[in-house]
Amino acid sequence: MNVEGIEEHLREFKIETYAKYNVVSVGEANGVGADQAVDWVDEDNGLFNMIFQFEGTNLWEKTLGTLDGKII
């Protein structure tokens, strides 16, 4: 689901906005694999201080209103 060229856009956004301040940045990184995460959160050149993504939870494969647990 990651959009081609998004890194360039986010890098420009960082430089023009929050990189100027002492803040913590968090980004949702849908489509960013573990092998790419270092490019997104690298201390010197990363796009954010931390990222999260929901792909490991398989949220998109769930049916609305269903649970995987047993009801006791």
C-alpha atoms as a PDB file:
ATOM      1  CA  MET A   1       0.000   0.000   0.000  1.00  0.00           C
ATOM      2  CA  ASN A   2       3.043   2.248   0.136  1.00  0.00           C
ATOM      3  CA  VAL A   3       2.894   4.930  -2.571  1.00  0.00           C
ATOM      4  CA  GLU A   4       5.846   5.307  -4.934  1.00  0.00           C
ATOM      5  CA  GLY A   5       7.794   8.486  -4.160  1.00  0.00           C
ATOM      6  CA  ILE A   6       6.331   8.911  -0.665  1.00  0.00           C
ATOM      7  CA  GLU A   7       9.791   8.966   0.923  1.00  0.00           C
ATOM      8  CA  GLU A   8      10.788  12.068  -1.063  1.00  0.00           C
ATOM      9  CA  HIS A   9       7.558  13.822  -0.087  1.00  0.00           C
ATOM     10  CA  LEU A  10       7.955  12.907   3.591  1.00  0.00           C
ATOM     11  CA  ARG A  11      11.614  13.979   3.610  1.00  0.00           C
ATOM     12  CA  GLU A  12      10.644  17.410   2.261  1.00  0.00           C
ATOM     13  CA  PHE A  13       7.779  17.604   4.765  1.00  0.00           C
ATOM     14  CA  LYS A  14      10.191  16.797   7.611  1.00  0.00           C
ATOM     15  CA  ILE A  15      12.738  19.412   6.518  1.00  0.00           C
ATOM     16  CA  GLU A  16      10.120  22.135   6.085  1.00  0.00           C
ATOM     17  CA  THR A  17       8.196  21.436   9.308  1.00  0.00           C
ATOM     18  CA  TYR A  18       9.090  19.399  12.375  1.00  0.00           C
ATOM     19  CA  ALA A  19      12.866  19.022  11.770  1.00  0.00           C
ATOM     20  CA  LYS A  20      13.180  22.651  12.878  1.00  0.00           C
ATOM     21  CA  TYR A  21      11.904  21.847  16.378  1.00  0.00           C
ATOM     22  CA  ASN A  22      12.736  19.587  19.297  1.00  0.00           C
ATOM     23  CA  VAL A  23       9.783  17.239  18.835  1.00  0.00           C
ATOM     24  CA  VAL A  24       9.103  13.520  18.542  1.00  0.00           C
ATOM     25  CA  SER A  25       7.602  12.358  15.262  1.00  0.00           C
ATOM     26  CA  VAL A  26       5.563   9.194  14.742  1.00  0.00           C
ATOM     27  CA  GLY A  27       4.369   7.876  11.409  1.00  0.00           C
ATOM     28  CA  GLU A  28       2.044   5.119  10.322  1.00  0.00           C
ATOM     29  CA  ALA A  29       4.053   3.121   7.815  1.00  0.00           C
ATOM     30  CA  ASN A  30       1.685   0.757   6.067  1.00  0.00           C
ATOM     31  CA  GLY A  31       3.596  -1.187   3.444  1.00  0.00           C
ATOM     32  CA  VAL A  32       7.011  -0.608   5.046  1.00  0.00           C
ATOM     33  CA  GLY A  33       8.680  -3.906   5.837  1.00  0.00           C
ATOM     34  CA  ALA A  34      11.160  -4.565   8.626  1.00  0.00           C
ATOM     35  CA  ASP A  35      13.991  -4.411   6.085  1.00  0.00           C
ATOM     36  CA  GLN A  36      12.949  -0.852   5.134  1.00  0.00           C
ATOM     37  CA  ALA A  37      12.212   0.398   8.649  1.00  0.00           C
ATOM     38  CA  VAL A  38      15.774   1.586   9.249  1.00  0.00           C
ATOM     39  CA  ASP A  39      15.405   4.009   6.320  1.00  0.00           C
ATOM     40  CA  TRP A  40      12.301   5.441   7.942  1.00  0.00           C
ATOM     41  CA  VAL A  41      13.605   5.764  11.518  1.00  0.00           C
ATOM     42  CA  ASP A  42      17.374   6.133  11.137  1.00  0.00           C
ATOM     43  CA  GLU A  43      18.627   8.659  13.696  1.00  0.00           C
ATOM     44  CA  ASP A  44      20.441  10.833  11.163  1.00  0.00           C
ATOM     45  CA  ASN A  45      18.500  10.406   7.930  1.00  0.00           C
ATOM     46  CA  GLY A  46      15.193   8.817   8.894  1.00  0.00           C
ATOM     47  CA  LEU A  47      11.795  10.313   8.222  1.00  0.00           C
ATOM     48  CA  PHE A  48      10.408   9.834  11.745  1.00  0.00           C
ATOM     49  CA  ASN A  49      11.574   9.043  15.269  1.00  0.00           C
ATOM     50  CA  MET A  50       9.338   5.974  15.299  1.00  0.00           C
ATOM     51  CA  ILE A  51       6.832   4.214  13.079  1.00  0.00           C
ATOM     52  CA  PHE A  52       4.014   1.745  13.528  1.00  0.00           C
ATOM     53  CA  GLN A  53       2.198  -0.456  11.076  1.00  0.00           C
ATOM     54  CA  PHE A  54      -0.656  -2.883  11.380  1.00  0.00           C
ATOM     55  CA  GLU A  55       0.168  -5.459   8.700  1.00  0.00           C
ATOM     56  CA  GLY A  56       1.329  -8.031  11.251  1.00  0.00           C
ATOM     57  CA  THR A  57      -2.130  -8.010  12.832  1.00  0.00           C
ATOM     58  CA  ASN A  58      -3.885  -8.923   9.562  1.00  0.00           C
ATOM     59  CA  LEU A  59      -6.502  -6.263  10.307  1.00  0.00           C
ATOM     60  CA  TRP A  60      -7.397  -5.933   6.647  1.00  0.00           C
ATOM     61  CA  GLU A  61      -8.325  -9.626   6.434  1.00  0.00           C
ATOM     62  CA  LYS A  62     -10.790  -9.517   9.346  1.00  0.00           C
ATOM     63  CA  THR A  63     -14.542  -9.294   8.979  1.00  0.00           C
ATOM     64  CA  LEU A  64     -16.011  -6.273  10.733  1.00  0.00           C
ATOM     65  CA  GLY A  65     -17.498  -7.248  14.070  1.00  0.00           C
ATOM     66  CA  THR A  66     -15.677 -10.563  14.459  1.00  0.00           C
ATOM     67  CA  LEU A  67     -13.224 -11.655  17.145  1.00  0.00           C
ATOM     68  CA  ASP A  68     -10.584 -14.366  17.125  1.00  0.00           C
ATOM     69  CA  GLY A  69     -11.180 -15.285  20.766  1.00  0.00           C
ATOM     70  CA  LYS A  70     -13.650 -17.509  22.534  1.00  0.00           C
ATOM     71  CA  ILE A  71     -16.574 -16.012  24.382  1.00  0.00           C
ATOM     72  CA  ILE A  72     -16.767 -17.390  27.900  1.00  0.00           C
END
